[in-house]
C-alpha atoms as a PDB file:
ATOM      1  CA  MET A   1      -2.118  29.536  -4.641  1.00  0.00           C
ATOM      2  CA  SER A   2      -5.658  28.589  -3.677  1.00  0.00           C
ATOM      3  CA  LYS A   3      -5.337  25.238  -5.453  1.00  0.00           C
ATOM      4  CA  ARG A   4      -2.067  24.479  -3.659  1.00  0.00           C
ATOM      5  CA  LYS A   5      -3.665  25.330  -0.322  1.00  0.00           C
ATOM      6  CA  SER A   6      -6.585  23.022  -1.125  1.00  0.00           C
ATOM      7  CA  ASN A   7      -4.209  20.176  -1.983  1.00  0.00           C
ATOM      8  CA  ASN A   8      -2.313  20.718   1.270  1.00  0.00           C
ATOM      9  CA  SER A   9      -5.559  20.633   3.262  1.00  0.00           C
ATOM     10  CA  LEU A  10      -6.592  17.391   1.571  1.00  0.00           C
ATOM     11  CA  ALA A  11      -3.198  15.829   2.273  1.00  0.00           C
ATOM     12  CA  GLU A  12      -3.393  16.857   5.934  1.00  0.00           C
ATOM     13  CA  GLU A  13      -6.901  15.401   6.226  1.00  0.00           C
ATOM     14  CA  GLU A  14      -5.710  12.091   4.745  1.00  0.00           C
ATOM     15  CA  THR A  15      -2.811  12.071   7.219  1.00  0.00           C
ATOM     16  CA  VAL A  16      -5.159  12.548  10.184  1.00  0.00           C
ATOM     17  CA  VAL A  17      -7.620   9.897   8.930  1.00  0.00           C
ATOM     18  CA  ARG A  18      -4.818   7.386   8.345  1.00  0.00           C
ATOM     19  CA  PHE A  19      -3.401   8.040  11.826  1.00  0.00           C
ATOM     20  CA  LEU A  20      -6.757   7.594  13.594  1.00  0.00           C
ATOM     21  CA  GLU A  21      -7.578   4.456  11.602  1.00  0.00           C
ATOM     22  CA  GLN A  22      -4.202   2.821  12.244  1.00  0.00           C
ATOM     23  CA  GLN A  23      -4.104   3.673  15.955  1.00  0.00           C
ATOM     24  CA  ASN A  24      -7.832   2.966  16.473  1.00  0.00           C
ATOM     25  CA  ARG A  25      -8.035   4.471  19.972  1.00  0.00           C
ATOM     26  CA  PRO A  26      -9.361   7.704  21.518  1.00  0.00           C
ATOM     27  CA  PHE A  27      -7.343  10.931  21.131  1.00  0.00           C
ATOM     28  CA  SER A  28      -7.667  14.564  22.109  1.00  0.00           C
ATOM     29  CA  VAL A  29      -6.774  17.265  19.574  1.00  0.00           C
ATOM     30  CA  GLN A  30      -3.460  17.895  21.314  1.00  0.00           C
ATOM     31  CA  ASN A  31      -2.635  14.166  21.282  1.00  0.00           C
ATOM     32  CA  ILE A  32      -3.081  14.108  17.512  1.00  0.00           C
ATOM     33  CA  VAL A  33      -1.097  17.319  16.965  1.00  0.00           C
ATOM     34  CA  ASP A  34       1.787  15.981  19.085  1.00  0.00           C
ATOM     35  CA  ALA A  35       1.807  12.658  17.237  1.00  0.00           C
ATOM     36  CA  LEU A  36       1.714  14.315  13.791  1.00  0.00           C
ATOM     37  CA  SER A  37       4.024  17.242  14.494  1.00  0.00           C
ATOM     38  CA  LYS A  38       6.603  15.823  12.071  1.00  0.00           C
ATOM     39  CA  GLU A  39       3.906  15.829   9.387  1.00  0.00           C
ATOM     40  CA  GLY A  40       3.436  19.576   9.876  1.00  0.00           C
ATOM     41  CA  ILE A  41      -0.067  19.326  11.355  1.00  0.00           C
ATOM     42  CA  LYS A  42      -0.931  22.468  13.355  1.00  0.00           C
ATOM     43  CA  LYS A  43      -3.568  22.638  16.076  1.00  0.00           C
ATOM     44  CA  ALA A  44      -5.882  25.089  14.281  1.00  0.00           C
ATOM     45  CA  SER A  45      -5.751  23.024  11.097  1.00  0.00           C
ATOM     46  CA  CYS A  46      -6.260  19.787  13.053  1.00  0.00           C
ATOM     47  CA  GLU A  47      -9.402  21.152  14.748  1.00  0.00           C
ATOM     48  CA  LYS A  48     -10.905  22.074  11.362  1.00  0.00           C
ATOM     49  CA  ILE A  49     -10.035  18.671   9.911  1.00  0.00           C
ATOM     50  CA  LEU A  50     -11.585  16.824  12.853  1.00  0.00           C
ATOM     51  CA  ALA A  51     -14.753  18.916  12.653  1.00  0.00           C
ATOM     52  CA  SER A  52     -15.016  18.040   8.955  1.00  0.00           C
ATOM     53  CA  LEU A  53     -14.407  14.331   9.622  1.00  0.00           C
ATOM     54  CA  VAL A  54     -17.079  14.297  12.321  1.00  0.00           C
ATOM     55  CA  GLU A  55     -19.517  15.910   9.880  1.00  0.00           C
ATOM     56  CA  LYS A  56     -18.628  13.275   7.256  1.00  0.00           C
ATOM     57  CA  GLU A  57     -19.206  10.564   9.905  1.00  0.00           C
ATOM     58  CA  VAL A  58     -15.681   9.242   9.481  1.00  0.00           C
ATOM     59  CA  VAL A  59     -14.787  10.109  13.080  1.00  0.00           C
ATOM     60  CA  SER A  60     -16.922  10.187  16.234  1.00  0.00           C
ATOM     61  CA  VAL A  61     -16.505  12.761  19.020  1.00  0.00           C
ATOM     62  CA  LYS A  62     -17.513  12.872  22.675  1.00  0.00           C
ATOM     63  CA  GLU A  63     -17.369  15.973  24.838  1.00  0.00           C
ATOM     64  CA  TYR A  64     -16.455  15.842  28.521  1.00  0.00           C
ATOM     65  CA  GLY A  65     -16.686  19.391  29.794  1.00  0.00           C
ATOM     66  CA  LYS A  66     -14.278  21.399  27.670  1.00  0.00           C
ATOM     67  CA  ALA A  67     -12.449  18.294  26.505  1.00  0.00           C
ATOM     68  CA  LYS A  68     -13.251  16.620  23.183  1.00  0.00           C
ATOM     69  CA  ILE A  69     -12.225  13.039  22.501  1.00  0.00           C
ATOM     70  CA  TYR A  70     -12.045  11.766  18.913  1.00  0.00           C
ATOM     71  CA  LEU A  71     -12.142   8.156  17.720  1.00  0.00           C
ATOM     72  CA  PHE A  72     -12.215   6.521  14.293  1.00  0.00           C
ATOM     73  CA  ARG A  73     -15.761   5.232  13.654  1.00  0.00           C
ATOM     74  CA  GLN A  74     -15.850   1.581  14.737  1.00  0.00           C
ATOM     75  CA  ASP A  75     -18.767   0.700  12.478  1.00  0.00           C
ATOM     76  CA  THR A  76     -16.570   1.344   9.415  1.00  0.00           C
ATOM     77  CA  ILE A  77     -14.069  -1.360  10.382  1.00  0.00           C
ATOM     78  CA  GLU A  78     -14.721  -4.748   8.794  1.00  0.00           C
ATOM     79  CA  ILE A  79     -14.562  -7.651  11.257  1.00  0.00           C
ATOM     80  CA  PRO A  80     -13.873 -11.091   9.754  1.00  0.00           C
ATOM     81  CA  ASP A  81     -16.615 -13.683  10.152  1.00  0.00           C
ATOM     82  CA  LYS A  82     -15.276 -16.105  12.757  1.00  0.00           C
ATOM     83  CA  LYS A  83     -17.328 -19.033  11.439  1.00  0.00           C
ATOM     84  CA  GLU A  84     -16.150 -18.448   7.875  1.00  0.00           C
ATOM     85  CA  VAL A  85     -12.499 -18.319   8.987  1.00  0.00           C
ATOM     86  CA  GLU A  86     -12.897 -21.595  10.886  1.00  0.00           C
ATOM     87  CA  GLU A  87     -14.494 -23.280   7.847  1.00  0.00           C
ATOM     88  CA  MET A  88     -11.642 -22.125   5.603  1.00  0.00           C
ATOM     89  CA  ASP A  89      -9.096 -23.426   8.124  1.00  0.00           C
ATOM     90  CA  GLU A  90     -10.778 -26.836   8.110  1.00  0.00           C
ATOM     91  CA  GLN A  91     -10.857 -26.952   4.296  1.00  0.00           C
ATOM     92  CA  LEU A  92      -7.197 -25.963   4.069  1.00  0.00           C
ATOM     93  CA  LYS A  93      -6.213 -28.583   6.638  1.00  0.00           C
ATOM     94  CA  SER A  94      -8.124 -31.277   4.731  1.00  0.00           C
ATOM     95  CA  LYS A  95      -6.490 -30.330   1.416  1.00  0.00           C
ATOM     96  CA  GLU A  96      -3.027 -30.265   2.981  1.00  0.00           C
ATOM     97  CA  GLU A  97      -3.546 -33.775   4.370  1.00  0.00           C
ATOM     98  CA  GLU A  98      -4.785 -35.045   0.996  1.00  0.00           C
ATOM     99  CA  TYR A  99      -1.878 -33.338  -0.774  1.00  0.00           C
ATOM    100  CA  ALA A 100       0.643 -34.979   1.576  1.00  0.00           C
ATOM    101  CA  SER A 101      -0.994 -38.395   1.096  1.00  0.00           C
ATOM    102  CA  ILE A 102      -0.913 -38.170  -2.715  1.00  0.00           C
ATOM    103  CA  THR A 103       2.685 -36.905  -2.699  1.00  0.00           C
ATOM    104  CA  THR A 104       3.723 -39.931  -0.641  1.00  0.00           C
ATOM    105  CA  GLU A 105       1.824 -42.295  -2.950  1.00  0.00           C
ATOM    106  CA  VAL A 106       3.431 -40.780  -6.065  1.00  0.00           C
ATOM    107  CA  SER A 107       6.876 -41.165  -4.509  1.00  0.00           C
ATOM    108  CA  GLU A 108       6.222 -44.820  -3.690  1.00  0.00           C
ATOM    109  CA  LEU A 109       4.954 -45.525  -7.217  1.00  0.00           C
ATOM    110  CA  GLU A 110       8.026 -43.929  -8.765  1.00  0.00           C
ATOM    111  CA  LYS A 111      10.248 -46.138  -6.619  1.00  0.00           C
ATOM    112  CA  GLU A 112       8.263 -49.213  -7.690  1.00  0.00           C
ATOM    113  CA  VAL A 113       8.575 -48.283 -11.382  1.00  0.00           C
ATOM    114  CA  ASN A 114      12.356 -47.990 -11.053  1.00  0.00           C
ATOM    115  CA  TYR A 115      12.615 -51.255  -9.131  1.00  0.00           C
ATOM    116  CA  LEU A 116      10.444 -53.273 -11.524  1.00  0.00           C
ATOM    117  CA  SER A 117      12.249 -51.879 -14.550  1.00  0.00           C
ATOM    118  CA  SER A 118      15.474 -53.437 -13.281  1.00  0.00           C
ATOM    119  CA  GLN A 119      13.963 -56.780 -12.143  1.00  0.00           C
ATOM    120  CA  MET A 120      11.498 -57.903 -14.819  1.00  0.00           C
ATOM    121  CA  THR A 121      11.902 -59.087 -18.379  1.00  0.00           C
ATOM    122  CA  VAL A 122      11.572 -56.418 -21.020  1.00  0.00           C
ATOM    123  CA  GLU A 123       8.020 -57.454 -21.930  1.00  0.00           C
ATOM    124  CA  GLU A 124       6.860 -57.760 -18.323  1.00  0.00           C
ATOM    125  CA  ALA A 125       8.471 -54.483 -17.402  1.00  0.00           C
ATOM    126  CA  ARG A 126       6.786 -52.720 -20.304  1.00  0.00           C
ATOM    127  CA  ASN A 127       3.350 -53.972 -19.302  1.00  0.00           C
ATOM    128  CA  LYS A 128       3.857 -53.122 -15.647  1.00  0.00           C
ATOM    129  CA  LYS A 129       5.440 -49.810 -16.556  1.00  0.00           C
ATOM    130  CA  ASP A 130       2.450 -48.873 -18.721  1.00  0.00           C
ATOM    131  CA  GLU A 131       0.096 -49.802 -15.900  1.00  0.00           C
ATOM    132  CA  LEU A 132       2.015 -47.823 -13.303  1.00  0.00           C
ATOM    133  CA  GLU A 133       2.509 -44.824 -15.585  1.00  0.00           C
ATOM    134  CA  SER A 134      -1.234 -44.700 -16.196  1.00  0.00           C
ATOM    135  CA  THR A 135      -1.863 -44.711 -12.442  1.00  0.00           C
ATOM    136  CA  LEU A 136       0.921 -42.190 -11.929  1.00  0.00           C
ATOM    137  CA  GLN A 137      -0.548 -39.853 -14.545  1.00  0.00           C
ATOM    138  CA  GLN A 138      -3.942 -39.955 -12.841  1.00  0.00           C
ATOM    139  CA  LEU A 139      -2.364 -39.173  -9.483  1.00  0.00           C
ATOM    140  CA  ASN A 140      -0.279 -36.346 -10.951  1.00  0.00           C
ATOM    141  CA  GLU A 141      -3.386 -34.793 -12.478  1.00  0.00           C
ATOM    142  CA  LYS A 142      -5.113 -34.955  -9.107  1.00  0.00           C
ATOM    143  CA  LEU A 143      -1.995 -33.554  -7.465  1.00  0.00           C
ATOM    144  CA  GLN A 144      -1.936 -30.597  -9.870  1.00  0.00           C
ATOM    145  CA  VAL A 145      -5.567 -29.799  -9.048  1.00  0.00           C
ATOM    146  CA  LEU A 146      -4.761 -29.803  -5.343  1.00  0.00           C
ATOM    147  CA  SER A 147      -1.544 -27.820  -5.842  1.00  0.00           C
ATOM    148  CA  ALA A 148      -3.477 -25.098  -7.663  1.00  0.00           C
ATOM    149  CA  GLY A 149      -5.629 -24.577  -4.580  1.00  0.00           C
ATOM    150  CA  ILE A 150      -2.765 -24.465  -2.057  1.00  0.00           C
ATOM    151  CA  GLN A 151      -0.126 -21.768  -1.857  1.00  0.00           C
ATOM    152  CA  GLN A 152       3.113 -23.381  -0.702  1.00  0.00           C
ATOM    153  CA  VAL A 153       5.008 -21.475   1.986  1.00  0.00           C
ATOM    154  CA  ASP A 154       8.767 -21.688   2.410  1.00  0.00           C
ATOM    155  CA  PRO A 155       9.712 -22.753   5.995  1.00  0.00           C
ATOM    156  CA  GLU A 156      11.835 -19.631   6.467  1.00  0.00           C
ATOM    157  CA  GLU A 157       9.037 -17.421   5.154  1.00  0.00           C
ATOM    158  CA  ARG A 158       6.554 -19.213   7.448  1.00  0.00           C
ATOM    159  CA  LYS A 159       8.861 -18.592  10.420  1.00  0.00           C
ATOM    160  CA  LYS A 160       9.189 -14.933   9.445  1.00  0.00           C
ATOM    161  CA  LEU A 161       5.393 -14.570   9.130  1.00  0.00           C
ATOM    162  CA  GLN A 162       4.909 -16.183  12.547  1.00  0.00           C
ATOM    163  CA  GLN A 163       7.436 -13.796  14.099  1.00  0.00           C
ATOM    164  CA  ASN A 164       5.720 -10.834  12.438  1.00  0.00           C
ATOM    165  CA  MET A 165       2.347 -12.008  13.718  1.00  0.00           C
ATOM    166  CA  LEU A 166       3.632 -12.430  17.265  1.00  0.00           C
ATOM    167  CA  TYR A 167       5.361  -9.051  17.162  1.00  0.00           C
ATOM    168  CA  ASN A 168       2.181  -7.367  15.912  1.00  0.00           C
ATOM    169  CA  VAL A 169       0.125  -9.151  18.565  1.00  0.00           C
ATOM    170  CA  SER A 170       2.476  -7.827  21.248  1.00  0.00           C
ATOM    171  CA  LYS A 171       2.089  -4.304  19.844  1.00  0.00           C
ATOM    172  CA  TRP A 172      -1.693  -4.771  19.710  1.00  0.00           C
ATOM    173  CA  LYS A 173      -1.719  -5.807  23.367  1.00  0.00           C
ATOM    174  CA  GLU A 174       0.457  -2.830  24.271  1.00  0.00           C
ATOM    175  CA  ARG A 175      -1.906  -0.397  22.504  1.00  0.00           C
ATOM    176  CA  LYS A 176      -4.883  -2.140  24.037  1.00  0.00           C
ATOM    177  CA  ARG A 177      -3.427  -1.465  27.487  1.00  0.00           C
ATOM    178  CA  MET A 178      -2.755   2.168  26.554  1.00  0.00           C
ATOM    179  CA  ALA A 179      -6.328   2.613  25.308  1.00  0.00           C
ATOM    180  CA  LYS A 180      -7.724   1.054  28.475  1.00  0.00           C
ATOM    181  CA  ASP A 181      -5.581   3.352  30.635  1.00  0.00           C
ATOM    182  CA  ILE A 182      -6.895   6.388  28.739  1.00  0.00           C
ATOM    183  CA  LEU A 183     -10.505   5.214  28.968  1.00  0.00           C
ATOM    184  CA  ASP A 184     -10.083   4.424  32.669  1.00  0.00           C
ATOM    185  CA  ALA A 185      -8.804   7.948  33.259  1.00  0.00           C
ATOM    186  CA  ILE A 186     -11.649   9.500  31.259  1.00  0.00           C
ATOM    187  CA  SER A 187     -14.319   7.412  32.988  1.00  0.00           C
ATOM    188  CA  GLU A 188     -12.902   8.305  36.389  1.00  0.00           C
ATOM    189  CA  ASN A 189     -12.799  12.043  35.607  1.00  0.00           C
ATOM    190  CA  ALA A 190     -16.276  11.938  34.062  1.00  0.00           C
ATOM    191  CA  ASN A 191     -17.624   9.929  37.001  1.00  0.00           C
ATOM    192  CA  MET A 192     -18.813   7.188  34.651  1.00  0.00           C
ATOM    193  CA  LYS A 193     -18.477   3.431  34.589  1.00  0.00           C
ATOM    194  CA  TYR A 194     -15.923   2.031  32.146  1.00  0.00           C
ATOM    195  CA  LYS A 195     -18.560  -0.016  30.284  1.00  0.00           C
ATOM    196  CA  GLU A 196     -20.909   2.964  30.049  1.00  0.00           C
ATOM    197  CA  LEU A 197     -18.141   5.151  28.594  1.00  0.00           C
ATOM    198  CA  CYS A 198     -17.272   2.512  25.973  1.00  0.00           C
ATOM    199  CA  GLU A 199     -20.903   2.304  24.891  1.00  0.00           C
ATOM    200  CA  GLN A 200     -21.226   6.095  24.616  1.00  0.00           C
ATOM    201  CA  ILE A 201     -18.133   6.612  22.434  1.00  0.00           C
ATOM    202  CA  GLY A 202     -18.664   3.428  20.397  1.00  0.00           C
ATOM    203  CA  VAL A 203     -15.671   1.400  21.645  1.00  0.00           C
ATOM    204  CA  GLU A 204     -16.136  -2.366  21.430  1.00  0.00           C
ATOM    205  CA  THR A 205     -13.977  -4.472  23.744  1.00  0.00           C
ATOM    206  CA  ASP A 206     -12.551  -7.863  22.779  1.00  0.00           C
ATOM    207  CA  GLU A 207     -14.842  -9.515  25.299  1.00  0.00           C
ATOM    208  CA  ALA A 208     -17.898  -7.807  23.780  1.00  0.00           C
ATOM    209  CA  VAL A 209     -17.198  -9.159  20.272  1.00  0.00           C
ATOM    210  CA  GLY A 210     -15.949 -12.569  21.439  1.00  0.00           C
ATOM    211  CA  LEU A 211     -12.333 -12.077  20.307  1.00  0.00           C
ATOM    212  CA  ASP A 212      -9.903 -14.533  21.934  1.00  0.00           C
ATOM    213  CA  MET A 213      -6.353 -13.830  20.728  1.00  0.00           C
ATOM    214  CA  GLU A 214      -4.883 -16.846  22.564  1.00  0.00           C
ATOM    215  CA  SER A 215      -7.306 -19.118  20.694  1.00  0.00           C
ATOM    216  CA  ILE A 216      -6.288 -17.560  17.358  1.00  0.00           C
ATOM    217  CA  LEU A 217      -2.576 -18.044  18.120  1.00  0.00           C
ATOM    218  CA  SER A 218      -3.238 -21.642  19.131  1.00  0.00           C
ATOM    219  CA  LYS A 219      -4.957 -22.360  15.791  1.00  0.00           C
ATOM    220  CA  VAL A 220      -1.822 -21.367  13.864  1.00  0.00           C
ATOM    221  CA  GLY A 221       0.421 -23.424  16.148  1.00  0.00           C
ATOM    222  CA  LEU A 222       1.762 -20.607  18.329  1.00  0.00           C
ATOM    223  CA  THR A 223       1.791 -21.209  22.079  1.00  0.00           C
ATOM    224  CA  LYS A 224       2.215 -18.519  24.719  1.00  0.00           C
ATOM    225  CA  SER A 225       5.798 -19.589  25.541  1.00  0.00           C
ATOM    226  CA  ARG A 226       6.664 -19.579  21.850  1.00  0.00           C
ATOM    227  CA  GLU A 227       5.020 -16.160  21.517  1.00  0.00           C
ATOM    228  CA  ASN A 228       7.274 -14.666  24.211  1.00  0.00           C
ATOM    229  CA  ARG A 229      10.388 -16.312  22.762  1.00  0.00           C
ATOM    230  CA  GLN A 230       9.766 -15.192  19.175  1.00  0.00           C
ATOM    231  CA  VAL A 231       8.789 -11.639  20.126  1.00  0.00           C
ATOM    232  CA  LYS A 232      12.110 -11.301  21.997  1.00  0.00           C
ATOM    233  CA  THR A 233      13.937 -12.643  18.929  1.00  0.00           C
ATOM    234  CA  ARG A 234      12.140 -10.110  16.694  1.00  0.00           C
ATOM    235  CA  ARG A 235      13.132  -7.245  19.019  1.00  0.00           C
ATOM    236  CA  ARG A 236      16.798  -8.235  18.814  1.00  0.00           C
END
């Protein structure tokens, strides 16, 4: 019985941690209990779990009078290196251009082989064919090397991934607004400035870390008008 109870407690703790990490915004105990009611999380159990997570430094807590606000520790979230991402994008773009160029050249050589085979004498065609096949083999070897470094994406799959990205961005923006509304309310009730509150509870804004979502969307060929259109399509 004791072992089963321990397993249940561990499962509940994992549920709370997963929820806070995925949502990544401030919550009161009651907020968490309401959100996880279907998971069977009770208030008394939730308070114990949060106290344990704070002690383990998985979650941070700030007290405002009698109210306690919990937030998943921001310093445990890995943020991609912007410079590294940009360098990888440039390398990928360069390889894609080289791949397209070689593919075109191979196609043209194959056409020339077929044409010359039908126009020349047997001896001439053999010599030219050997020459072209040698060149073609070299290009194919180079093409294979490039193909190994590039993962081809089906147009339909690419479209689906773009729609998923735009849908997730819209959800991210929605949650960002919700988090800001909550923080605005807390800062107003606590008679604190918004920036001061964010610093105290460890919340980093997009502006503070230099995140520009519009710039990211632009890099993958998604404009704002396209974003709105594809998000509506995803919702339907």
